PDB file of N, CA and C in Angstrom:
ATOM      1  N   MET A   1       0.833  -1.168   0.000  1.00  0.00           N
ATOM      2  CA  MET A   1       0.000   0.000   0.000  1.00  0.00           C
ATOM      3  C   MET A   1       0.885   1.241   0.000  1.00  0.00           C
ATOM      4  N   LYS A   2       0.580   2.176  -0.880  1.00  0.00           N
ATOM      5  CA  LYS A   2       1.346   3.410  -0.970  1.00  0.00           C
ATOM      6  C   LYS A   2       0.881   4.400   0.082  1.00  0.00           C
ATOM      7  N   ALA A   3       1.847   5.010   0.704  1.00  0.00           N
ATOM      8  CA  ALA A   3       1.501   6.066   1.669  1.00  0.00           C
ATOM      9  C   ALA A   3       1.232   7.349   0.889  1.00  0.00           C
ATOM     10  N   ARG A   4       0.122   7.982   1.203  1.00  0.00           N
ATOM     11  CA  ARG A   4      -0.205   9.243   0.527  1.00  0.00           C
ATOM     12  C   ARG A   4       0.533  10.385   1.198  1.00  0.00           C
ATOM     13  N   LYS A   5       1.028  11.276   0.369  1.00  0.00           N
ATOM     14  CA  LYS A   5       1.648  12.475   0.918  1.00  0.00           C
ATOM     15  C   LYS A   5       0.530  13.403   1.360  1.00  0.00           C
ATOM     16  N   GLU A   6       0.632  13.828   2.591  1.00  0.00           N
ATOM     17  CA  GLU A   6      -0.371  14.753   3.096  1.00  0.00           C
ATOM     18  C   GLU A   6       0.041  16.169   2.766  1.00  0.00           C
ATOM     19  N   LYS A   7      -0.898  16.913   2.231  1.00  0.00           N
ATOM     20  CA  LYS A   7      -0.635  18.309   1.940  1.00  0.00           C
ATOM     21  C   LYS A   7      -0.750  19.094   3.234  1.00  0.00           C
ATOM     22  N   LYS A   8       0.233  19.897   3.478  1.00  0.00           N
ATOM     23  CA  LYS A   8       0.208  20.736   4.659  1.00  0.00           C
ATOM     24  C   LYS A   8      -0.516  22.033   4.292  1.00  0.00           C
ATOM     25  N   GLU A   9      -1.587  22.301   4.993  1.00  0.00           N
ATOM     26  CA  GLU A   9      -2.327  23.522   4.707  1.00  0.00           C
ATOM     27  C   GLU A   9      -1.594  24.706   5.287  1.00  0.00           C
ATOM     28  N   GLN A  10      -1.505  25.755   4.488  1.00  0.00           N
ATOM     29  CA  GLN A  10      -0.865  26.974   4.948  1.00  0.00           C
ATOM     30  C   GLN A  10      -1.914  27.891   5.551  1.00  0.00           C
ATOM     31  N   ALA A  11      -1.539  28.552   6.631  1.00  0.00           N
ATOM     32  CA  ALA A  11      -2.440  29.502   7.274  1.00  0.00           C
ATOM     33  C   ALA A  11      -2.642  30.699   6.353  1.00  0.00           C
ATOM     34  N   THR A  12      -3.852  31.191   6.328  1.00  0.00           N
ATOM     35  CA  THR A  12      -4.206  32.335   5.505  1.00  0.00           C
ATOM     36  C   THR A  12      -4.817  33.408   6.381  1.00  0.00           C
ATOM     37  N   VAL A  13      -4.362  34.630   6.197  1.00  0.00           N
ATOM     38  CA  VAL A  13      -4.913  35.761   6.936  1.00  0.00           C
ATOM     39  C   VAL A  13      -6.077  36.326   6.141  1.00  0.00           C
ATOM     40  N   ILE A  14      -7.232  36.449   6.787  1.00  0.00           N
ATOM     41  CA  ILE A  14      -8.369  37.060   6.104  1.00  0.00           C
ATOM     42  C   ILE A  14      -8.774  38.376   6.763  1.00  0.00           C
ATOM     43  N   GLY A  15      -8.204  38.663   7.920  1.00  0.00           N
ATOM     44  CA  GLY A  15      -8.500  39.912   8.604  1.00  0.00           C
ATOM     45  C   GLY A  15      -7.960  39.883  10.021  1.00  0.00           C
ATOM     46  N   LEU A  16      -8.192  40.991  10.713  1.00  0.00           N
ATOM     47  CA  LEU A  16      -7.746  41.111  12.098  1.00  0.00           C
ATOM     48  C   LEU A  16      -8.917  41.431  13.003  1.00  0.00           C
ATOM     49  N   LEU A  17      -8.896  40.861  14.187  1.00  0.00           N
ATOM     50  CA  LEU A  17      -9.863  41.170  15.226  1.00  0.00           C
ATOM     51  C   LEU A  17      -9.078  41.576  16.463  1.00  0.00           C
ATOM     52  N   GLY A  18      -9.268  42.812  16.899  1.00  0.00           N
ATOM     53  CA  GLY A  18      -8.625  43.294  18.116  1.00  0.00           C
ATOM     54  C   GLY A  18      -9.667  43.381  19.214  1.00  0.00           C
ATOM     55  N   VAL A  19      -9.382  42.749  20.349  1.00  0.00           N
ATOM     56  CA  VAL A  19     -10.329  42.739  21.465  1.00  0.00           C
ATOM     57  C   VAL A  19      -9.634  43.309  22.692  1.00  0.00           C
ATOM     58  N   GLY A  20     -10.183  44.389  23.221  1.00  0.00           N
ATOM     59  CA  GLY A  20      -9.653  44.982  24.438  1.00  0.00           C
ATOM     60  C   GLY A  20     -10.493  44.542  25.623  1.00  0.00           C
ATOM     61  N   LEU A  21      -9.843  44.134  26.682  1.00  0.00           N
ATOM     62  CA  LEU A  21     -10.561  43.591  27.828  1.00  0.00           C
ATOM     63  C   LEU A  21     -10.466  44.473  29.067  1.00  0.00           C
ATOM     64  N   ASP A  22      -9.909  45.667  28.920  1.00  0.00           N
ATOM     65  CA  ASP A  22      -9.699  46.503  30.093  1.00  0.00           C
ATOM     66  C   ASP A  22     -10.735  47.628  30.240  1.00  0.00           C
ATOM     67  N   GLY A  23     -11.819  47.578  29.476  1.00  0.00           N
ATOM     68  CA  GLY A  23     -12.836  48.629  29.551  1.00  0.00           C
ATOM     69  C   GLY A  23     -13.846  48.362  30.640  1.00  0.00           C
ATOM     70  N   ASP A  24     -13.988  49.306  31.563  1.00  0.00           N
ATOM     71  CA  ASP A  24     -14.975  49.121  32.629  1.00  0.00           C
ATOM     72  C   ASP A  24     -15.803  50.390  32.861  1.00  0.00           C
ATOM     73  N   ASP A  25     -15.831  51.266  31.822  1.00  0.00           N
ATOM     74  CA  ASP A  25     -16.554  52.524  31.981  1.00  0.00           C
ATOM     75  C   ASP A  25     -17.952  52.494  31.362  1.00  0.00           C
ATOM     76  N   GLY A  26     -18.379  51.332  30.875  1.00  0.00           N
ATOM     77  CA  GLY A  26     -19.719  51.197  30.327  1.00  0.00           C
ATOM     78  C   GLY A  26     -19.858  51.557  28.854  1.00  0.00           C
ATOM     79  N   HIS A  27     -18.794  52.076  28.232  1.00  0.00           N
ATOM     80  CA  HIS A  27     -18.861  52.427  26.812  1.00  0.00           C
ATOM     81  C   HIS A  27     -18.615  51.194  25.957  1.00  0.00           C
ATOM     82  N   ARG A  28     -19.263  51.155  24.800  1.00  0.00           N
ATOM     83  CA  ARG A  28     -19.047  50.080  23.825  1.00  0.00           C
ATOM     84  C   ARG A  28     -18.270  50.671  22.664  1.00  0.00           C
ATOM     85  N   ARG A  29     -17.025  50.337  22.587  1.00  0.00           N
ATOM     86  CA  ARG A  29     -16.154  50.885  21.548  1.00  0.00           C
ATOM     87  C   ARG A  29     -15.994  49.853  20.439  1.00  0.00           C
ATOM     88  N   ILE A  30     -16.303  50.288  19.219  1.00  0.00           N
ATOM     89  CA  ILE A  30     -16.165  49.424  18.045  1.00  0.00           C
ATOM     90  C   ILE A  30     -15.589  50.267  16.916  1.00  0.00           C
ATOM     91  N   THR A  31     -14.535  49.767  16.309  1.00  0.00           N
ATOM     92  CA  THR A  31     -13.952  50.417  15.138  1.00  0.00           C
ATOM     93  C   THR A  31     -13.883  49.370  14.040  1.00  0.00           C
ATOM     94  N   GLU A  32     -14.419  49.722  12.872  1.00  0.00           N
ATOM     95  CA  GLU A  32     -14.375  48.814  11.728  1.00  0.00           C
ATOM     96  C   GLU A  32     -13.641  49.489  10.583  1.00  0.00           C
ATOM     97  N   ALA A  33     -12.785  48.741   9.930  1.00  0.00           N
ATOM     98  CA  ALA A  33     -12.082  49.195   8.733  1.00  0.00           C
ATOM     99  C   ALA A  33     -11.970  47.994   7.804  1.00  0.00           C
ATOM    100  N   GLU A  34     -11.408  48.207   6.641  1.00  0.00           N
ATOM    101  CA  GLU A  34     -11.265  47.093   5.707  1.00  0.00           C
ATOM    102  C   GLU A  34     -10.414  46.003   6.343  1.00  0.00           C
ATOM    103  N   ASP A  35     -10.943  44.834   6.489  1.00  0.00           N
ATOM    104  CA  ASP A  35     -10.252  43.663   7.029  1.00  0.00           C
ATOM    105  C   ASP A  35      -9.893  43.778   8.511  1.00  0.00           C
ATOM    106  N   VAL A  36     -10.465  44.765   9.246  1.00  0.00           N
ATOM    107  CA  VAL A  36     -10.134  44.954  10.655  1.00  0.00           C
ATOM    108  C   VAL A  36     -11.385  45.298  11.458  1.00  0.00           C
ATOM    109  N   VAL A  37     -11.509  44.687  12.635  1.00  0.00           N
ATOM    110  CA  VAL A  37     -12.541  45.067  13.599  1.00  0.00           C
ATOM    111  C   VAL A  37     -11.866  45.145  14.970  1.00  0.00           C
ATOM    112  N   LEU A  38     -12.053  46.284  15.639  1.00  0.00           N
ATOM    113  CA  LEU A  38     -11.551  46.477  16.999  1.00  0.00           C
ATOM    114  C   LEU A  38     -12.748  46.642  17.914  1.00  0.00           C
ATOM    115  N   VAL A  39     -12.771  45.908  19.010  1.00  0.00           N
ATOM    116  CA  VAL A  39     -13.903  46.000  19.940  1.00  0.00           C
ATOM    117  C   VAL A  39     -13.403  46.073  21.381  1.00  0.00           C
ATOM    118  N   GLY A  40     -14.196  46.782  22.172  1.00  0.00           N
ATOM    119  CA  GLY A  40     -13.953  46.819  23.603  1.00  0.00           C
ATOM    120  C   GLY A  40     -12.818  47.714  24.013  1.00  0.00           C
ATOM    121  N   SER A  41     -12.424  47.590  25.261  1.00  0.00           N
ATOM    122  CA  SER A  41     -11.294  48.231  25.904  1.00  0.00           C
ATOM    123  C   SER A  41     -11.618  49.604  26.470  1.00  0.00           C
ATOM    124  N   SER A  42     -10.654  50.109  27.210  1.00  0.00           N
ATOM    125  CA  SER A  42     -10.744  51.480  27.715  1.00  0.00           C
ATOM    126  C   SER A  42     -10.497  52.429  26.545  1.00  0.00           C
ATOM    127  N   ALA A  43     -10.805  53.695  26.745  1.00  0.00           N
ATOM    128  CA  ALA A  43     -10.591  54.688  25.694  1.00  0.00           C
ATOM    129  C   ALA A  43      -9.121  54.718  25.279  1.00  0.00           C
ATOM    130  N   GLU A  44      -8.224  54.661  26.260  1.00  0.00           N
ATOM    131  CA  GLU A  44      -6.786  54.718  25.982  1.00  0.00           C
ATOM    132  C   GLU A  44      -6.319  53.508  25.175  1.00  0.00           C
ATOM    133  N   THR A  45      -6.727  52.329  25.578  1.00  0.00           N
ATOM    134  CA  THR A  45      -6.328  51.113  24.867  1.00  0.00           C
ATOM    135  C   THR A  45      -6.922  51.080  23.466  1.00  0.00           C
ATOM    136  N   HIS A  46      -8.173  51.474  23.326  1.00  0.00           N
ATOM    137  CA  HIS A  46      -8.809  51.472  22.005  1.00  0.00           C
ATOM    138  C   HIS A  46      -8.072  52.431  21.066  1.00  0.00           C
ATOM    139  N   GLU A  47      -7.680  53.569  21.592  1.00  0.00           N
ATOM    140  CA  GLU A  47      -6.925  54.532  20.783  1.00  0.00           C
ATOM    141  C   GLU A  47      -5.583  53.948  20.347  1.00  0.00           C
ATOM    142  N   ARG A  48      -4.916  53.224  21.235  1.00  0.00           N
ATOM    143  CA  ARG A  48      -3.650  52.581  20.873  1.00  0.00           C
ATOM    144  C   ARG A  48      -3.854  51.515  19.799  1.00  0.00           C
ATOM    145  N   MET A  49      -4.945  50.759  19.905  1.00  0.00           N
ATOM    146  CA  MET A  49      -5.241  49.753  18.874  1.00  0.00           C
ATOM    147  C   MET A  49      -5.496  50.452  17.531  1.00  0.00           C
ATOM    148  N   GLN A  50      -6.229  51.576  17.553  1.00  0.00           N
ATOM    149  CA  GLN A  50      -6.493  52.313  16.326  1.00  0.00           C
ATOM    150  C   GLN A  50      -5.196  52.842  15.708  1.00  0.00           C
ATOM    151  N   GLU A  51      -4.307  53.402  16.548  1.00  0.00           N
ATOM    152  CA  GLU A  51      -3.019  53.899  16.052  1.00  0.00           C
ATOM    153  C   GLU A  51      -2.220  52.776  15.399  1.00  0.00           C
ATOM    154  N   THR A  52      -2.233  51.617  16.019  1.00  0.00           N
ATOM    155  CA  THR A  52      -1.508  50.470  15.475  1.00  0.00           C
ATOM    156  C   THR A  52      -2.047  50.091  14.106  1.00  0.00           C
ATOM    157  N   VAL A  53      -3.376  50.056  13.976  1.00  0.00           N
ATOM    158  CA  VAL A  53      -3.991  49.689  12.695  1.00  0.00           C
ATOM    159  C   VAL A  53      -3.685  50.736  11.624  1.00  0.00           C
ATOM    160  N   ILE A  54      -3.673  52.004  11.995  1.00  0.00           N
ATOM    161  CA  ILE A  54      -3.349  53.066  11.031  1.00  0.00           C
ATOM    162  C   ILE A  54      -1.911  52.897  10.534  1.00  0.00           C
ATOM    163  N   LYS A  55      -0.977  52.698  11.457  1.00  0.00           N
ATOM    164  CA  LYS A  55       0.430  52.509  11.061  1.00  0.00           C
ATOM    165  C   LYS A  55       0.610  51.228  10.252  1.00  0.00           C
ATOM    166  N   LEU A  56      -0.111  50.187  10.625  1.00  0.00           N
ATOM    167  CA  LEU A  56      -0.071  48.941   9.862  1.00  0.00           C
ATOM    168  C   LEU A  56      -0.548  49.192   8.437  1.00  0.00           C
ATOM    169  N   GLY A  57      -1.651  49.908   8.306  1.00  0.00           N
ATOM    170  CA  GLY A  57      -2.182  50.232   6.978  1.00  0.00           C
ATOM    171  C   GLY A  57      -1.189  51.013   6.132  1.00  0.00           C
ATOM    172  N   GLU A  58      -0.487  51.951   6.756  1.00  0.00           N
ATOM    173  CA  GLU A  58       0.528  52.729   6.035  1.00  0.00           C
ATOM    174  C   GLU A  58       1.672  51.840   5.564  1.00  0.00           C
ATOM    175  N   ALA A  59       2.115  50.939   6.428  1.00  0.00           N
ATOM    176  CA  ALA A  59       3.204  50.019   6.063  1.00  0.00           C
ATOM    177  C   ALA A  59       2.773  49.096   4.924  1.00  0.00           C
ATOM    178  N   LEU A  60       1.535  48.615   4.995  1.00  0.00           N
ATOM    179  CA  LEU A  60       1.032  47.747   3.925  1.00  0.00           C
ATOM    180  C   LEU A  60       0.907  48.521   2.613  1.00  0.00           C
ATOM    181  N   GLU A  61       0.448  49.755   2.700  1.00  0.00           N
ATOM    182  CA  GLU A  61       0.302  50.578   1.497  1.00  0.00           C
ATOM    183  C   GLU A  61       1.658  50.784   0.814  1.00  0.00           C
ATOM    184  N   GLN A  62       2.698  51.006   1.612  1.00  0.00           N
ATOM    185  CA  GLN A  62       4.045  51.174   1.053  1.00  0.00           C
ATOM    186  C   GLN A  62       4.494  49.922   0.308  1.00  0.00           C
ATOM    187  N   ARG A  63       4.017  48.768   0.755  1.00  0.00           N
ATOM    188  CA  ARG A  63       4.381  47.499   0.114  1.00  0.00           C
ATOM    189  C   ARG A  63       3.412  47.113  -1.007  1.00  0.00           C
ATOM    190  N   GLY A  64       2.359  47.903  -1.169  1.00  0.00           N
ATOM    191  CA  GLY A  64       1.366  47.583  -2.181  1.00  0.00           C
ATOM    192  C   GLY A  64       0.534  46.362  -1.833  1.00  0.00           C
ATOM    193  N   LYS A  65       0.280  46.159  -0.537  1.00  0.00           N
ATOM    194  CA  LYS A  65      -0.442  44.974  -0.085  1.00  0.00           C
ATOM    195  C   LYS A  65      -1.636  45.355   0.778  1.00  0.00           C
ATOM    196  N   ARG A  66      -2.500  44.364   0.980  1.00  0.00           N
ATOM    197  CA  ARG A  66      -3.587  44.446   1.954  1.00  0.00           C
ATOM    198  C   ARG A  66      -3.303  43.401   3.024  1.00  0.00           C
ATOM    199  N   ILE A  67      -4.044  43.463   4.105  1.00  0.00           N
ATOM    200  CA  ILE A  67      -3.855  42.483   5.186  1.00  0.00           C
ATOM    201  C   ILE A  67      -3.947  41.070   4.642  1.00  0.00           C
ATOM    202  N   ARG A  68      -4.929  40.814   3.808  1.00  0.00           N
ATOM    203  CA  ARG A  68      -5.129  39.451   3.308  1.00  0.00           C
ATOM    204  C   ARG A  68      -4.064  38.999   2.314  1.00  0.00           C
ATOM    205  N   ASP A  69      -3.170  39.923   1.907  1.00  0.00           N
ATOM    206  CA  ASP A  69      -2.077  39.571   1.000  1.00  0.00           C
ATOM    207  C   ASP A  69      -0.801  39.187   1.738  1.00  0.00           C
ATOM    208  N   THR A  70      -0.832  39.206   3.069  1.00  0.00           N
ATOM    209  CA  THR A  70       0.366  38.923   3.850  1.00  0.00           C
ATOM    210  C   THR A  70       0.313  37.515   4.442  1.00  0.00           C
ATOM    211  N   SER A  71       1.475  37.020   4.764  1.00  0.00           N
ATOM    212  CA  SER A  71       1.539  35.762   5.504  1.00  0.00           C
ATOM    213  C   SER A  71       1.340  36.092   6.978  1.00  0.00           C
ATOM    214  N   PRO A  72       0.943  35.118   7.781  1.00  0.00           N
ATOM    215  CA  PRO A  72       0.806  35.379   9.216  1.00  0.00           C
ATOM    216  C   PRO A  72       2.101  35.911   9.835  1.00  0.00           C
ATOM    217  N   GLU A  73       3.239  35.372   9.424  1.00  0.00           N
ATOM    218  CA  GLU A  73       4.522  35.805   9.979  1.00  0.00           C
ATOM    219  C   GLU A  73       4.826  37.254   9.607  1.00  0.00           C
ATOM    220  N   GLU A  74       4.588  37.605   8.355  1.00  0.00           N
ATOM    221  CA  GLU A  74       4.831  38.982   7.908  1.00  0.00           C
ATOM    222  C   GLU A  74       3.909  39.953   8.651  1.00  0.00           C
ATOM    223  N   LEU A  75       2.661  39.558   8.831  1.00  0.00           N
ATOM    224  CA  LEU A  75       1.702  40.418   9.514  1.00  0.00           C
ATOM    225  C   LEU A  75       2.098  40.641  10.973  1.00  0.00           C
ATOM    226  N   VAL A  76       2.546  39.603  11.645  1.00  0.00           N
ATOM    227  CA  VAL A  76       2.990  39.740  13.043  1.00  0.00           C
ATOM    228  C   VAL A  76       4.148  40.734  13.119  1.00  0.00           C
ATOM    229  N   ASP A  77       5.108  40.621  12.213  1.00  0.00           N
ATOM    230  CA  ASP A  77       6.240  41.556  12.203  1.00  0.00           C
ATOM    231  C   ASP A  77       5.779  42.989  11.965  1.00  0.00           C
ATOM    232  N   LEU A  78       4.867  43.176  11.034  1.00  0.00           N
ATOM    233  CA  LEU A  78       4.363  44.520  10.735  1.00  0.00           C
ATOM    234  C   LEU A  78       3.609  45.113  11.922  1.00  0.00           C
ATOM    235  N   ILE A  79       2.834  44.291  12.602  1.00  0.00           N
ATOM    236  CA  ILE A  79       2.086  44.767  13.774  1.00  0.00           C
ATOM    237  C   ILE A  79       3.058  45.150  14.884  1.00  0.00           C
ATOM    238  N   ARG A  80       4.063  44.343  15.115  1.00  0.00           N
ATOM    239  CA  ARG A  80       5.067  44.685  16.141  1.00  0.00           C
ATOM    240  C   ARG A  80       5.725  46.021  15.835  1.00  0.00           C
ATOM    241  N   ASP A  81       6.053  46.253  14.567  1.00  0.00           N
ATOM    242  CA  ASP A  81       6.683  47.513  14.180  1.00  0.00           C
ATOM    243  C   ASP A  81       5.719  48.685  14.285  1.00  0.00           C
ATOM    244  N   ALA A  82       4.419  48.429  14.131  1.00  0.00           N
ATOM    245  CA  ALA A  82       3.416  49.504  14.111  1.00  0.00           C
ATOM    246  C   ALA A  82       2.929  49.911  15.499  1.00  0.00           C
ATOM    247  N   ARG A  83       3.146  49.068  16.511  1.00  0.00           N
ATOM    248  CA  ARG A  83       2.636  49.363  17.848  1.00  0.00           C
ATOM    249  C   ARG A  83       3.235  50.645  18.396  1.00  0.00           C
ATOM    250  N   PRO A  84       2.381  51.508  18.970  1.00  0.00           N
ATOM    251  CA  PRO A  84       2.900  52.718  19.616  1.00  0.00           C
ATOM    252  C   PRO A  84       3.737  52.347  20.841  1.00  0.00           C
ATOM    253  N   GLN A  85       4.789  53.064  21.045  1.00  0.00           N
ATOM    254  CA  GLN A  85       5.638  52.807  22.206  1.00  0.00           C
ATOM    255  C   GLN A  85       4.994  53.436  23.445  1.00  0.00           C
ATOM    256  N   PRO A  86       5.021  52.728  24.580  1.00  0.00           N
ATOM    257  CA  PRO A  86       4.401  53.236  25.801  1.00  0.00           C
ATOM    258  C   PRO A  86       5.119  54.462  26.349  1.00  0.00           C
TER     259      PRO A  86
END
């Protein structure tokens, strides 16, 4: 009996979901953009998530790509570079 080669499925990015868990002021914060949804968090954290997404978008635009055109590894690197410094 021949052993079949199993195809390894590659992970595909279809979008980002940012969830903030530090909001306790009763506000419901939701930001939607192309391929991105940010929900929850305190005002400060939500603003930081928005800044990160804006910088990420700028970096992707420079590369001529969208979120869904990146590999998971490339996207993680871009997000790390885009995060605002505390």
